[in-house]
Structures are given as C-alpha cells and as structure tokens.
Amino acid sequence: MQALFLKTIKDAVKLWYIPLFVGILFLVVSIIAFISPVSSFLALAILFSLSLLFSGLSEIIFSIANKEQLDNWGWTLAFGIFTFVVGVLLLISPSISMAALAFYIGFVILFRSIAAFSFALDIKKYGSSNWGWLLAFGILGTLFSFVLLWNPILAGLSAVILISLSFLFSGLFSIYFSFQLRKLHKVAKELSSGLRERFEELEKDIQKEWSE
C-alpha cells in the first residue's frame, strides 16, 4: 500500500476545506438544537435531515476529487454516500418519530466515528502529534452514537440533546481533520520540483522492495 504522505507530496490535497465546511455545518446545527431544544420537532427533523444531505454530498465530492491523493478516500466516499442516503430518507419522511430519528442519526454518527479512527491513525503515520485529538473526537462520537442506538426511545428533550452532542463532536472532528489536510496541502504546494522527483524515486524504490 502506498503511504498517504508520499501521495500527498506528489499532488496537493484537493478541496481540503470541504471537511471544514461540513464541520461548521454540524456545529451550527448542534448549537441551534441546543438553543431551541423545545422548538417544533418537525423543524428540528428537517434541520438534521438537510445537514446530513448537504454534508453527505460534499464528502462524496471530496472523496472523488482526492482518490489519487488519499489512501482512505474510500472511507470518505462510503460515509458520504451513507450520510446522503440517510438525509434523503429523513427528508422525505419529516413526520418520522423521535425514536426513529435518533436511531437513524445514531447509525450515521457511529459509522462516521469508526471512520475517524482510520483518519487519526493515518495522521499519526506522518509523525503528527495532533492525531490524538482526532481519535478523541472519534471516541466521543462513538459513545454518543451507542447511547442513541441502545436507547432510541427517549424523552423528546433528552433525544435532541444527545443528537446535538453527536453532531457537535462529529463537527469538531471534521474541522480539526480539515486543518491537518490543509497542512499537507501547504507542504505539497511549497515543495520544489526537485524534491518532488526525489520523493517519486523513493516511492518507486519502496514499491520495488515490497514486490520482491
């Protein structure tokens, strides 16, 4: 398997700001839900649905744009498609019960949080000291998603708060991850052409050693 860092050195990560956009979107949604947890359930359900719909579509675009740069682009594509599909399902069923909404969102956050572990370990491979934060956000997202899945039949206010917390930690992960991608993007842009050629030669040598 090619190292993610070597791929990124050759070609800068494209659209690194999409995870930032998704993270901000999730944070805004969580804040709105925290501020108005007793507002119309229909309005909150539509808000959650639209956020999943647009974030899923954005992540699909990001993953396809970076399939040559990122080893884990398949994870991004998978949870982008999953998030988008759930967003569509919730949007066409706005009268869905709170229990069903919590169950759907619990699965989305769980899937995204598991993928977060993979992203955190990839960041660790570069020697980044910030990978622990990504792992922590993934763990917190997993914990809240388990609560939603194990106890989908919750009082309305409790369910909204748990869903909001799940969106909060998922959003924080996406924002922090985007900053790490931005660093890789800047490194690739600043490297000289000669240094790029040396990395390509090193990559060929590594492939040769692995194939023997």
N, C-alpha and C. Protein backbone atom coordinates (compact mmCIF):
# COMPACT_ATOMS: atom_id res chain seq x y z
N MET A 1 0.85 -1.20 0.00
CA MET A 1 0.00 0.00 0.00
C MET A 1 0.88 1.25 0.00
N GLN A 2 0.59 2.20 -0.84
CA GLN A 2 1.36 3.42 -0.89
C GLN A 2 1.10 4.25 0.35
N ALA A 3 2.13 4.93 0.84
CA ALA A 3 1.95 5.78 2.01
C ALA A 3 1.15 7.01 1.62
N LEU A 4 0.25 7.39 2.49
CA LEU A 4 -0.58 8.57 2.23
C LEU A 4 0.28 9.81 2.09
N PHE A 5 1.33 9.90 2.90
CA PHE A 5 2.18 11.08 2.84
C PHE A 5 2.84 11.22 1.49
N LEU A 6 3.35 10.11 0.92
CA LEU A 6 4.01 10.18 -0.38
C LEU A 6 3.04 10.62 -1.46
N LYS A 7 1.81 10.14 -1.39
CA LYS A 7 0.81 10.55 -2.38
C LYS A 7 0.55 12.04 -2.28
N THR A 8 0.46 12.53 -1.05
CA THR A 8 0.12 13.93 -0.85
C THR A 8 1.26 14.83 -1.27
N ILE A 9 2.51 14.34 -1.12
CA ILE A 9 3.66 15.13 -1.55
C ILE A 9 3.61 15.37 -3.05
N LYS A 10 3.24 14.36 -3.81
CA LYS A 10 3.22 14.49 -5.27
C LYS A 10 2.10 15.40 -5.75
N ASP A 11 0.95 15.30 -5.13
CA ASP A 11 -0.21 16.08 -5.54
C ASP A 11 -0.90 16.63 -4.30
N ALA A 12 -1.08 17.93 -4.27
CA ALA A 12 -1.70 18.56 -3.11
C ALA A 12 -3.13 18.05 -2.94
N VAL A 13 -3.53 17.92 -1.67
CA VAL A 13 -4.90 17.50 -1.37
C VAL A 13 -5.87 18.54 -1.93
N LYS A 14 -6.85 18.08 -2.65
CA LYS A 14 -7.82 18.98 -3.27
C LYS A 14 -9.02 19.18 -2.33
N LEU A 15 -9.57 20.38 -2.39
CA LEU A 15 -10.81 20.69 -1.66
C LEU A 15 -10.69 20.36 -0.17
N TRP A 16 -9.53 20.67 0.43
CA TRP A 16 -9.32 20.37 1.85
C TRP A 16 -10.35 21.08 2.74
N TYR A 17 -10.95 22.13 2.22
CA TYR A 17 -11.89 22.93 3.01
C TYR A 17 -13.28 22.31 3.10
N ILE A 18 -13.54 21.24 2.35
CA ILE A 18 -14.87 20.62 2.43
C ILE A 18 -15.13 20.02 3.81
N PRO A 19 -14.17 19.27 4.41
CA PRO A 19 -14.41 18.82 5.79
C PRO A 19 -14.63 19.97 6.75
N LEU A 20 -13.97 21.12 6.49
CA LEU A 20 -14.18 22.30 7.33
C LEU A 20 -15.61 22.79 7.19
N PHE A 21 -16.11 22.83 5.96
CA PHE A 21 -17.49 23.25 5.72
C PHE A 21 -18.47 22.31 6.42
N VAL A 22 -18.22 21.00 6.31
CA VAL A 22 -19.09 20.02 6.95
C VAL A 22 -19.06 20.18 8.46
N GLY A 23 -17.85 20.38 9.01
CA GLY A 23 -17.72 20.54 10.44
C GLY A 23 -18.46 21.76 10.96
N ILE A 24 -18.32 22.88 10.25
CA ILE A 24 -19.03 24.10 10.65
C ILE A 24 -20.53 23.90 10.56
N LEU A 25 -20.98 23.23 9.52
CA LEU A 25 -22.41 22.95 9.35
C LEU A 25 -22.94 22.14 10.54
N PHE A 26 -22.20 21.10 10.92
CA PHE A 26 -22.62 20.27 12.06
C PHE A 26 -22.62 21.07 13.36
N LEU A 27 -21.61 21.94 13.53
CA LEU A 27 -21.56 22.77 14.74
C LEU A 27 -22.75 23.72 14.82
N VAL A 28 -23.09 24.35 13.70
CA VAL A 28 -24.22 25.27 13.65
C VAL A 28 -25.52 24.54 14.00
N VAL A 29 -25.68 23.36 13.41
CA VAL A 29 -26.88 22.56 13.68
C VAL A 29 -26.96 22.19 15.15
N SER A 30 -25.84 21.78 15.74
CA SER A 30 -25.85 21.38 17.15
C SER A 30 -26.16 22.58 18.05
N ILE A 31 -25.63 23.75 17.71
CA ILE A 31 -25.88 24.96 18.51
C ILE A 31 -27.36 25.35 18.44
N ILE A 32 -27.92 25.31 17.23
CA ILE A 32 -29.33 25.65 17.06
C ILE A 32 -30.21 24.71 17.88
N ALA A 33 -29.89 23.42 17.84
CA ALA A 33 -30.67 22.44 18.60
C ALA A 33 -30.52 22.64 20.10
N PHE A 34 -29.30 23.03 20.54
CA PHE A 34 -29.09 23.29 21.96
C PHE A 34 -29.88 24.52 22.42
N ILE A 35 -29.87 25.55 21.59
CA ILE A 35 -30.54 26.80 21.95
C ILE A 35 -32.06 26.64 21.97
N SER A 36 -32.59 25.85 21.01
CA SER A 36 -34.04 25.69 20.91
C SER A 36 -34.44 24.23 20.94
N PRO A 37 -34.13 23.50 22.03
CA PRO A 37 -34.45 22.07 22.06
C PRO A 37 -35.94 21.77 22.14
N VAL A 38 -36.73 22.75 22.54
CA VAL A 38 -38.17 22.51 22.68
C VAL A 38 -38.95 23.08 21.50
N SER A 39 -38.26 23.53 20.47
CA SER A 39 -38.95 24.04 19.29
C SER A 39 -39.61 22.89 18.55
N SER A 40 -40.33 23.23 17.49
CA SER A 40 -41.07 22.24 16.72
C SER A 40 -40.19 21.04 16.34
N PHE A 41 -40.65 19.84 16.68
CA PHE A 41 -39.90 18.64 16.32
C PHE A 41 -39.74 18.52 14.82
N LEU A 42 -40.78 18.90 14.07
CA LEU A 42 -40.72 18.84 12.61
C LEU A 42 -39.60 19.73 12.08
N ALA A 43 -39.47 20.93 12.65
CA ALA A 43 -38.43 21.85 12.21
C ALA A 43 -37.04 21.28 12.50
N LEU A 44 -36.86 20.67 13.67
CA LEU A 44 -35.57 20.08 14.02
C LEU A 44 -35.27 18.88 13.13
N ALA A 45 -36.27 18.07 12.85
CA ALA A 45 -36.07 16.89 11.99
C ALA A 45 -35.62 17.32 10.60
N ILE A 46 -36.24 18.37 10.06
CA ILE A 46 -35.86 18.87 8.73
C ILE A 46 -34.45 19.45 8.77
N LEU A 47 -34.12 20.14 9.87
CA LEU A 47 -32.77 20.72 10.02
C LEU A 47 -31.72 19.62 10.03
N PHE A 48 -31.94 18.58 10.82
CA PHE A 48 -30.99 17.46 10.86
C PHE A 48 -30.89 16.79 9.49
N SER A 49 -32.03 16.62 8.83
CA SER A 49 -32.06 15.95 7.53
C SER A 49 -31.26 16.72 6.48
N LEU A 50 -31.47 18.03 6.42
CA LEU A 50 -30.77 18.86 5.44
C LEU A 50 -29.27 18.88 5.70
N SER A 51 -28.89 18.92 6.97
CA SER A 51 -27.46 18.93 7.29
C SER A 51 -26.80 17.63 6.84
N LEU A 52 -27.47 16.50 7.05
CA LEU A 52 -26.93 15.22 6.60
C LEU A 52 -26.87 15.15 5.07
N LEU A 53 -27.90 15.67 4.43
CA LEU A 53 -27.97 15.65 2.97
C LEU A 53 -26.80 16.42 2.35
N PHE A 54 -26.60 17.66 2.79
CA PHE A 54 -25.56 18.50 2.21
C PHE A 54 -24.16 18.05 2.61
N SER A 55 -23.99 17.58 3.84
CA SER A 55 -22.66 17.10 4.25
C SER A 55 -22.29 15.83 3.49
N GLY A 56 -23.26 14.93 3.30
CA GLY A 56 -23.00 13.71 2.54
C GLY A 56 -22.59 14.00 1.11
N LEU A 57 -23.30 14.92 0.46
CA LEU A 57 -22.98 15.29 -0.91
C LEU A 57 -21.58 15.92 -0.99
N SER A 58 -21.25 16.78 -0.03
CA SER A 58 -19.95 17.44 -0.02
C SER A 58 -18.83 16.42 0.14
N GLU A 59 -19.04 15.42 1.00
CA GLU A 59 -17.99 14.42 1.25
C GLU A 59 -17.83 13.47 0.06
N ILE A 60 -18.89 13.23 -0.67
CA ILE A 60 -18.78 12.43 -1.89
C ILE A 60 -17.89 13.15 -2.90
N ILE A 61 -18.12 14.44 -3.06
CA ILE A 61 -17.31 15.25 -3.98
C ILE A 61 -15.85 15.26 -3.54
N PHE A 62 -15.62 15.45 -2.24
CA PHE A 62 -14.26 15.49 -1.70
C PHE A 62 -13.52 14.18 -1.93
N SER A 63 -14.19 13.06 -1.67
CA SER A 63 -13.53 11.76 -1.80
C SER A 63 -13.17 11.46 -3.25
N ILE A 64 -14.06 11.77 -4.18
CA ILE A 64 -13.79 11.51 -5.60
C ILE A 64 -12.65 12.39 -6.09
N ALA A 65 -12.62 13.65 -5.63
CA ALA A 65 -11.57 14.57 -6.05
C ALA A 65 -10.19 14.14 -5.55
N ASN A 66 -10.15 13.39 -4.42
CA ASN A 66 -8.87 13.02 -3.81
C ASN A 66 -8.59 11.52 -3.85
N LYS A 67 -9.20 10.80 -4.77
CA LYS A 67 -8.99 9.36 -4.81
C LYS A 67 -7.56 8.98 -5.16
N GLU A 68 -6.82 9.89 -5.80
CA GLU A 68 -5.42 9.61 -6.14
C GLU A 68 -4.48 10.10 -5.04
N GLN A 69 -4.97 10.95 -4.13
CA GLN A 69 -4.13 11.53 -3.09
C GLN A 69 -4.25 10.81 -1.74
N LEU A 70 -5.45 10.33 -1.42
CA LEU A 70 -5.70 9.78 -0.10
C LEU A 70 -5.95 8.28 -0.14
N ASP A 71 -5.21 7.54 0.68
CA ASP A 71 -5.42 6.09 0.77
C ASP A 71 -6.81 5.77 1.29
N ASN A 72 -7.31 6.59 2.20
CA ASN A 72 -8.59 6.29 2.84
C ASN A 72 -9.77 7.01 2.19
N TRP A 73 -9.62 7.36 0.91
CA TRP A 73 -10.70 8.09 0.24
C TRP A 73 -11.97 7.25 0.16
N GLY A 74 -11.80 5.92 0.16
CA GLY A 74 -12.97 5.03 0.12
C GLY A 74 -13.84 5.17 1.36
N TRP A 75 -13.20 5.38 2.52
CA TRP A 75 -13.96 5.60 3.75
C TRP A 75 -14.81 6.86 3.62
N THR A 76 -14.19 7.93 3.11
CA THR A 76 -14.91 9.19 2.95
C THR A 76 -16.07 9.04 1.99
N LEU A 77 -15.84 8.31 0.89
CA LEU A 77 -16.90 8.08 -0.09
C LEU A 77 -18.03 7.27 0.55
N ALA A 78 -17.67 6.23 1.30
CA ALA A 78 -18.67 5.36 1.91
C ALA A 78 -19.56 6.11 2.90
N PHE A 79 -18.92 6.85 3.85
CA PHE A 79 -19.80 7.52 4.80
C PHE A 79 -20.45 8.76 4.21
N GLY A 80 -19.89 9.29 3.10
CA GLY A 80 -20.57 10.37 2.40
C GLY A 80 -21.86 9.87 1.76
N ILE A 81 -21.78 8.72 1.10
CA ILE A 81 -22.97 8.12 0.47
C ILE A 81 -23.99 7.74 1.53
N PHE A 82 -23.51 7.12 2.61
CA PHE A 82 -24.41 6.69 3.69
C PHE A 82 -25.11 7.90 4.32
N THR A 83 -24.33 8.95 4.60
CA THR A 83 -24.91 10.16 5.19
C THR A 83 -25.93 10.79 4.26
N PHE A 84 -25.61 10.84 2.97
CA PHE A 84 -26.52 11.43 1.98
C PHE A 84 -27.83 10.64 1.90
N VAL A 85 -27.72 9.32 1.85
CA VAL A 85 -28.92 8.47 1.75
C VAL A 85 -29.81 8.65 2.97
N VAL A 86 -29.20 8.66 4.16
CA VAL A 86 -30.00 8.85 5.38
C VAL A 86 -30.66 10.22 5.38
N GLY A 87 -29.93 11.24 4.91
CA GLY A 87 -30.51 12.58 4.81
C GLY A 87 -31.72 12.60 3.91
N VAL A 88 -31.63 11.90 2.76
CA VAL A 88 -32.76 11.84 1.83
C VAL A 88 -33.94 11.11 2.47
N LEU A 89 -33.67 9.98 3.13
CA LEU A 89 -34.73 9.20 3.77
C LEU A 89 -35.45 10.02 4.84
N LEU A 90 -34.69 10.76 5.63
CA LEU A 90 -35.30 11.57 6.68
C LEU A 90 -36.07 12.75 6.09
N LEU A 91 -35.56 13.30 4.99
CA LEU A 91 -36.21 14.46 4.39
C LEU A 91 -37.54 14.11 3.76
N ILE A 92 -37.65 12.91 3.19
CA ILE A 92 -38.92 12.51 2.58
C ILE A 92 -39.89 11.95 3.60
N SER A 93 -39.42 11.82 4.85
CA SER A 93 -40.31 11.36 5.93
C SER A 93 -40.20 12.31 7.12
N PRO A 94 -40.59 13.58 6.95
CA PRO A 94 -40.43 14.57 8.01
C PRO A 94 -41.25 14.28 9.26
N SER A 95 -42.27 13.44 9.13
CA SER A 95 -43.12 13.13 10.29
C SER A 95 -42.59 11.93 11.08
N ILE A 96 -41.35 11.54 10.81
CA ILE A 96 -40.75 10.40 11.49
C ILE A 96 -40.72 10.63 13.00
N SER A 97 -40.83 9.58 13.79
CA SER A 97 -40.84 9.72 15.24
C SER A 97 -39.46 10.08 15.77
N MET A 98 -39.40 10.62 16.99
CA MET A 98 -38.13 10.98 17.59
C MET A 98 -37.25 9.74 17.77
N ALA A 99 -37.86 8.60 18.15
CA ALA A 99 -37.10 7.36 18.33
C ALA A 99 -36.44 6.93 17.03
N ALA A 100 -37.18 6.99 15.92
CA ALA A 100 -36.63 6.61 14.62
C ALA A 100 -35.53 7.58 14.19
N LEU A 101 -35.75 8.88 14.45
CA LEU A 101 -34.75 9.89 14.10
C LEU A 101 -33.45 9.63 14.86
N ALA A 102 -33.57 9.36 16.16
CA ALA A 102 -32.39 9.08 16.98
C ALA A 102 -31.67 7.83 16.48
N PHE A 103 -32.43 6.83 16.06
CA PHE A 103 -31.85 5.58 15.58
C PHE A 103 -31.07 5.82 14.28
N TYR A 104 -31.68 6.53 13.34
CA TYR A 104 -31.02 6.83 12.07
C TYR A 104 -29.72 7.62 12.29
N ILE A 105 -29.84 8.69 13.05
CA ILE A 105 -28.67 9.55 13.28
C ILE A 105 -27.60 8.81 14.08
N GLY A 106 -28.04 7.95 15.00
CA GLY A 106 -27.08 7.15 15.76
C GLY A 106 -26.21 6.30 14.85
N PHE A 107 -26.82 5.69 13.84
CA PHE A 107 -26.06 4.88 12.89
C PHE A 107 -25.10 5.74 12.07
N VAL A 108 -25.56 6.91 11.65
CA VAL A 108 -24.70 7.79 10.85
C VAL A 108 -23.47 8.21 11.66
N ILE A 109 -23.69 8.67 12.89
CA ILE A 109 -22.58 9.13 13.72
C ILE A 109 -21.64 7.98 14.07
N LEU A 110 -22.20 6.79 14.31
CA LEU A 110 -21.36 5.63 14.60
C LEU A 110 -20.45 5.31 13.42
N PHE A 111 -21.00 5.27 12.22
CA PHE A 111 -20.23 4.97 11.02
C PHE A 111 -19.13 6.01 10.80
N ARG A 112 -19.47 7.28 10.99
CA ARG A 112 -18.51 8.35 10.80
C ARG A 112 -17.41 8.29 11.87
N SER A 113 -17.80 7.93 13.10
CA SER A 113 -16.83 7.88 14.19
C SER A 113 -15.84 6.74 14.00
N ILE A 114 -16.32 5.60 13.52
CA ILE A 114 -15.42 4.48 13.24
C ILE A 114 -14.42 4.86 12.14
N ALA A 115 -14.91 5.57 11.13
CA ALA A 115 -14.02 6.04 10.07
C ALA A 115 -13.00 7.02 10.63
N ALA A 116 -13.39 7.77 11.66
CA ALA A 116 -12.48 8.73 12.27
C ALA A 116 -11.24 8.06 12.85
N PHE A 117 -11.39 6.83 13.35
CA PHE A 117 -10.24 6.11 13.87
C PHE A 117 -9.19 5.89 12.78
N SER A 118 -9.66 5.54 11.58
CA SER A 118 -8.76 5.32 10.46
C SER A 118 -8.03 6.60 10.08
N PHE A 119 -8.76 7.72 10.04
CA PHE A 119 -8.15 9.01 9.71
C PHE A 119 -7.10 9.41 10.75
N ALA A 120 -7.42 9.18 12.03
CA ALA A 120 -6.50 9.54 13.10
C ALA A 120 -5.19 8.76 12.99
N LEU A 121 -5.30 7.47 12.68
CA LEU A 121 -4.10 6.64 12.55
C LEU A 121 -3.28 7.04 11.33
N ASP A 122 -3.95 7.48 10.26
CA ASP A 122 -3.21 7.96 9.09
C ASP A 122 -2.41 9.21 9.43
N ILE A 123 -3.04 10.13 10.18
CA ILE A 123 -2.34 11.35 10.58
C ILE A 123 -1.14 11.00 11.47
N LYS A 124 -1.29 9.98 12.30
CA LYS A 124 -0.21 9.55 13.18
C LYS A 124 0.99 9.07 12.37
N LYS A 125 0.74 8.45 11.21
CA LYS A 125 1.82 7.92 10.39
C LYS A 125 2.78 9.01 9.94
N TYR A 126 2.30 10.25 9.82
CA TYR A 126 3.20 11.33 9.39
C TYR A 126 4.06 11.83 10.54
N GLY A 127 3.78 11.35 11.78
CA GLY A 127 4.50 11.83 12.94
C GLY A 127 3.82 13.03 13.57
N SER A 128 2.59 13.32 13.17
CA SER A 128 1.85 14.45 13.74
C SER A 128 1.49 14.16 15.19
N SER A 129 1.71 15.16 16.05
CA SER A 129 1.37 15.00 17.46
C SER A 129 -0.10 15.30 17.74
N ASN A 130 -0.84 15.68 16.71
CA ASN A 130 -2.23 16.08 16.89
C ASN A 130 -3.23 14.96 16.61
N TRP A 131 -2.74 13.77 16.28
CA TRP A 131 -3.64 12.69 15.92
C TRP A 131 -4.51 12.26 17.09
N GLY A 132 -4.02 12.46 18.32
CA GLY A 132 -4.79 12.06 19.49
C GLY A 132 -6.11 12.79 19.62
N TRP A 133 -6.14 14.06 19.21
CA TRP A 133 -7.39 14.82 19.26
C TRP A 133 -8.42 14.24 18.30
N LEU A 134 -7.96 13.86 17.11
CA LEU A 134 -8.87 13.25 16.15
C LEU A 134 -9.44 11.95 16.70
N LEU A 135 -8.58 11.15 17.33
CA LEU A 135 -9.02 9.90 17.92
C LEU A 135 -10.02 10.15 19.05
N ALA A 136 -9.76 11.18 19.85
CA ALA A 136 -10.65 11.51 20.97
C ALA A 136 -12.04 11.91 20.47
N PHE A 137 -12.09 12.73 19.43
CA PHE A 137 -13.38 13.13 18.88
C PHE A 137 -14.13 11.92 18.32
N GLY A 138 -13.38 11.00 17.71
CA GLY A 138 -14.00 9.79 17.18
C GLY A 138 -14.57 8.93 18.29
N ILE A 139 -13.84 8.82 19.40
CA ILE A 139 -14.31 8.02 20.54
C ILE A 139 -15.56 8.64 21.15
N LEU A 140 -15.56 9.96 21.33
CA LEU A 140 -16.72 10.63 21.91
C LEU A 140 -17.95 10.48 21.01
N GLY A 141 -17.73 10.61 19.70
CA GLY A 141 -18.84 10.41 18.76
C GLY A 141 -19.39 9.00 18.83
N THR A 142 -18.49 8.03 18.99
CA THR A 142 -18.92 6.63 19.10
C THR A 142 -19.76 6.41 20.36
N LEU A 143 -19.33 6.98 21.47
CA LEU A 143 -20.05 6.83 22.73
C LEU A 143 -21.48 7.38 22.63
N PHE A 144 -21.62 8.58 22.08
CA PHE A 144 -22.95 9.17 21.97
C PHE A 144 -23.82 8.42 20.96
N SER A 145 -23.20 7.90 19.91
CA SER A 145 -23.98 7.14 18.93
C SER A 145 -24.49 5.83 19.55
N PHE A 146 -23.69 5.20 20.41
CA PHE A 146 -24.12 3.99 21.09
C PHE A 146 -25.32 4.27 22.00
N VAL A 147 -25.28 5.41 22.67
CA VAL A 147 -26.40 5.78 23.55
C VAL A 147 -27.68 5.93 22.73
N LEU A 148 -27.57 6.58 21.57
CA LEU A 148 -28.73 6.77 20.71
C LEU A 148 -29.26 5.44 20.18
N LEU A 149 -28.36 4.51 19.85
CA LEU A 149 -28.78 3.22 19.30
C LEU A 149 -29.35 2.30 20.38
N TRP A 150 -28.78 2.35 21.56
CA TRP A 150 -29.25 1.46 22.63
C TRP A 150 -30.54 1.97 23.28
N ASN A 151 -30.72 3.29 23.25
CA ASN A 151 -31.91 3.88 23.89
C ASN A 151 -32.62 4.84 22.95
N PRO A 152 -33.09 4.35 21.79
CA PRO A 152 -33.73 5.25 20.83
C PRO A 152 -35.05 5.82 21.35
N ILE A 153 -35.68 5.15 22.31
CA ILE A 153 -36.96 5.63 22.84
C ILE A 153 -36.66 6.50 24.06
N LEU A 154 -36.39 7.76 23.81
CA LEU A 154 -36.04 8.70 24.87
C LEU A 154 -37.06 9.82 24.91
N ALA A 155 -37.09 10.53 26.02
CA ALA A 155 -37.94 11.72 26.08
C ALA A 155 -37.44 12.70 25.03
N GLY A 156 -38.36 13.46 24.45
CA GLY A 156 -38.01 14.33 23.34
C GLY A 156 -36.82 15.23 23.60
N LEU A 157 -36.79 15.90 24.76
CA LEU A 157 -35.70 16.82 25.07
C LEU A 157 -34.38 16.08 25.20
N SER A 158 -34.37 14.91 25.85
CA SER A 158 -33.13 14.14 26.02
C SER A 158 -32.59 13.68 24.68
N ALA A 159 -33.47 13.24 23.79
CA ALA A 159 -33.04 12.78 22.47
C ALA A 159 -32.40 13.92 21.67
N VAL A 160 -33.02 15.10 21.72
CA VAL A 160 -32.49 16.25 20.99
C VAL A 160 -31.10 16.62 21.50
N ILE A 161 -30.93 16.60 22.83
CA ILE A 161 -29.63 16.94 23.41
C ILE A 161 -28.56 15.92 23.00
N LEU A 162 -28.91 14.64 23.03
CA LEU A 162 -27.94 13.61 22.64
C LEU A 162 -27.57 13.72 21.16
N ILE A 163 -28.58 13.96 20.32
CA ILE A 163 -28.32 14.14 18.89
C ILE A 163 -27.43 15.35 18.66
N SER A 164 -27.70 16.42 19.39
CA SER A 164 -26.91 17.66 19.27
C SER A 164 -25.46 17.41 19.66
N LEU A 165 -25.24 16.67 20.75
CA LEU A 165 -23.88 16.36 21.18
C LEU A 165 -23.16 15.49 20.15
N SER A 166 -23.89 14.57 19.53
CA SER A 166 -23.30 13.73 18.49
C SER A 166 -22.86 14.59 17.30
N PHE A 167 -23.71 15.52 16.90
CA PHE A 167 -23.36 16.44 15.82
C PHE A 167 -22.17 17.31 16.21
N LEU A 168 -22.14 17.73 17.47
CA LEU A 168 -21.07 18.60 17.96
C LEU A 168 -19.71 17.93 17.81
N PHE A 169 -19.55 16.71 18.32
CA PHE A 169 -18.26 16.04 18.28
C PHE A 169 -17.89 15.60 16.86
N SER A 170 -18.89 15.25 16.06
CA SER A 170 -18.61 14.91 14.66
C SER A 170 -18.13 16.16 13.92
N GLY A 171 -18.73 17.30 14.24
CA GLY A 171 -18.32 18.56 13.61
C GLY A 171 -16.92 18.97 14.02
N LEU A 172 -16.60 18.82 15.31
CA LEU A 172 -15.26 19.16 15.79
C LEU A 172 -14.21 18.30 15.11
N PHE A 173 -14.52 17.01 14.93
CA PHE A 173 -13.58 16.14 14.23
C PHE A 173 -13.34 16.63 12.81
N SER A 174 -14.41 16.94 12.08
CA SER A 174 -14.27 17.35 10.68
C SER A 174 -13.44 18.64 10.57
N ILE A 175 -13.67 19.58 11.48
CA ILE A 175 -12.92 20.84 11.45
C ILE A 175 -11.44 20.58 11.71
N TYR A 176 -11.14 19.80 12.74
CA TYR A 176 -9.75 19.52 13.10
C TYR A 176 -9.06 18.73 11.99
N PHE A 177 -9.78 17.78 11.40
CA PHE A 177 -9.21 16.99 10.31
C PHE A 177 -8.90 17.86 9.11
N SER A 178 -9.76 18.85 8.83
CA SER A 178 -9.53 19.74 7.69
C SER A 178 -8.26 20.54 7.87
N PHE A 179 -7.96 20.94 9.12
CA PHE A 179 -6.73 21.68 9.39
C PHE A 179 -5.50 20.82 9.11
N GLN A 180 -5.59 19.52 9.44
CA GLN A 180 -4.48 18.62 9.15
C GLN A 180 -4.30 18.46 7.64
N LEU A 181 -5.41 18.36 6.91
CA LEU A 181 -5.34 18.27 5.45
C LEU A 181 -4.75 19.55 4.85
N ARG A 182 -5.09 20.67 5.44
CA ARG A 182 -4.57 21.95 4.95
C ARG A 182 -3.05 22.01 5.10
N LYS A 183 -2.54 21.45 6.20
CA LYS A 183 -1.09 21.41 6.38
C LYS A 183 -0.42 20.59 5.27
N LEU A 184 -1.01 19.43 4.96
CA LEU A 184 -0.47 18.60 3.89
C LEU A 184 -0.56 19.32 2.55
N HIS A 185 -1.66 20.04 2.36
CA HIS A 185 -1.86 20.81 1.12
C HIS A 185 -0.75 21.86 0.98
N LYS A 186 -0.42 22.56 2.06
CA LYS A 186 0.60 23.60 2.02
C LYS A 186 1.98 23.00 1.77
N VAL A 187 2.26 21.84 2.41
CA VAL A 187 3.55 21.18 2.21
C VAL A 187 3.74 20.82 0.75
N ALA A 188 2.71 20.23 0.14
CA ALA A 188 2.81 19.81 -1.26
C ALA A 188 3.00 21.00 -2.18
N LYS A 189 2.36 22.12 -1.88
CA LYS A 189 2.47 23.30 -2.72
C LYS A 189 3.85 23.95 -2.62
N GLU A 190 4.46 23.84 -1.44
CA GLU A 190 5.72 24.55 -1.20
C GLU A 190 6.95 23.76 -1.62
N LEU A 191 6.79 22.47 -1.84
CA LEU A 191 7.95 21.65 -2.21
C LEU A 191 8.48 22.01 -3.61
N SER A 192 9.78 21.99 -3.76
CA SER A 192 10.37 22.25 -5.06
C SER A 192 10.16 21.05 -5.98
N SER A 193 10.27 21.29 -7.26
CA SER A 193 10.09 20.20 -8.23
C SER A 193 11.17 19.13 -8.04
N GLY A 194 12.40 19.56 -7.68
CA GLY A 194 13.47 18.60 -7.46
C GLY A 194 13.18 17.68 -6.30
N LEU A 195 12.62 18.23 -5.23
CA LEU A 195 12.30 17.42 -4.07
C LEU A 195 11.16 16.47 -4.37
N ARG A 196 10.22 16.92 -5.19
CA ARG A 196 9.13 16.04 -5.61
C ARG A 196 9.68 14.83 -6.36
N GLU A 197 10.66 15.08 -7.24
CA GLU A 197 11.25 13.98 -8.01
C GLU A 197 11.94 12.99 -7.09
N ARG A 198 12.58 13.47 -6.05
CA ARG A 198 13.24 12.59 -5.09
C ARG A 198 12.22 11.72 -4.36
N PHE A 199 11.08 12.31 -4.02
CA PHE A 199 10.02 11.54 -3.37
C PHE A 199 9.47 10.46 -4.31
N GLU A 200 9.33 10.82 -5.60
CA GLU A 200 8.83 9.84 -6.56
C GLU A 200 9.81 8.68 -6.72
N GLU A 201 11.11 9.00 -6.73
CA GLU A 201 12.12 7.95 -6.83
C GLU A 201 12.08 7.06 -5.59
N LEU A 202 11.92 7.68 -4.42
CA LEU A 202 11.83 6.92 -3.18
C LEU A 202 10.61 6.00 -3.20
N GLU A 203 9.51 6.50 -3.73
CA GLU A 203 8.28 5.71 -3.83
C GLU A 203 8.49 4.49 -4.71
N LYS A 204 9.19 4.68 -5.83
CA LYS A 204 9.47 3.56 -6.74
C LYS A 204 10.36 2.52 -6.06
N ASP A 205 11.36 2.99 -5.28
CA ASP A 205 12.25 2.07 -4.57
C ASP A 205 11.47 1.25 -3.54
N ILE A 206 10.54 1.92 -2.84
CA ILE A 206 9.74 1.22 -1.84
C ILE A 206 8.86 0.17 -2.50
N GLN A 207 8.24 0.52 -3.63
CA GLN A 207 7.40 -0.44 -4.36
C GLN A 207 8.22 -1.62 -4.83
N LYS A 208 9.44 -1.36 -5.27
CA LYS A 208 10.31 -2.43 -5.75
C LYS A 208 10.66 -3.39 -4.62
N GLU A 209 10.97 -2.82 -3.44
CA GLU A 209 11.31 -3.65 -2.28
C GLU A 209 10.12 -4.51 -1.85
N TRP A 210 8.92 -3.94 -1.87
CA TRP A 210 7.73 -4.66 -1.45
C TRP A 210 7.36 -5.78 -2.44
N SER A 211 7.69 -5.56 -3.71
CA SER A 211 7.32 -6.56 -4.73
C SER A 211 8.27 -7.73 -4.76
N GLU A 212 9.43 -7.63 -4.11
CA GLU A 212 10.43 -8.71 -4.13
C GLU A 212 10.11 -9.78 -3.08
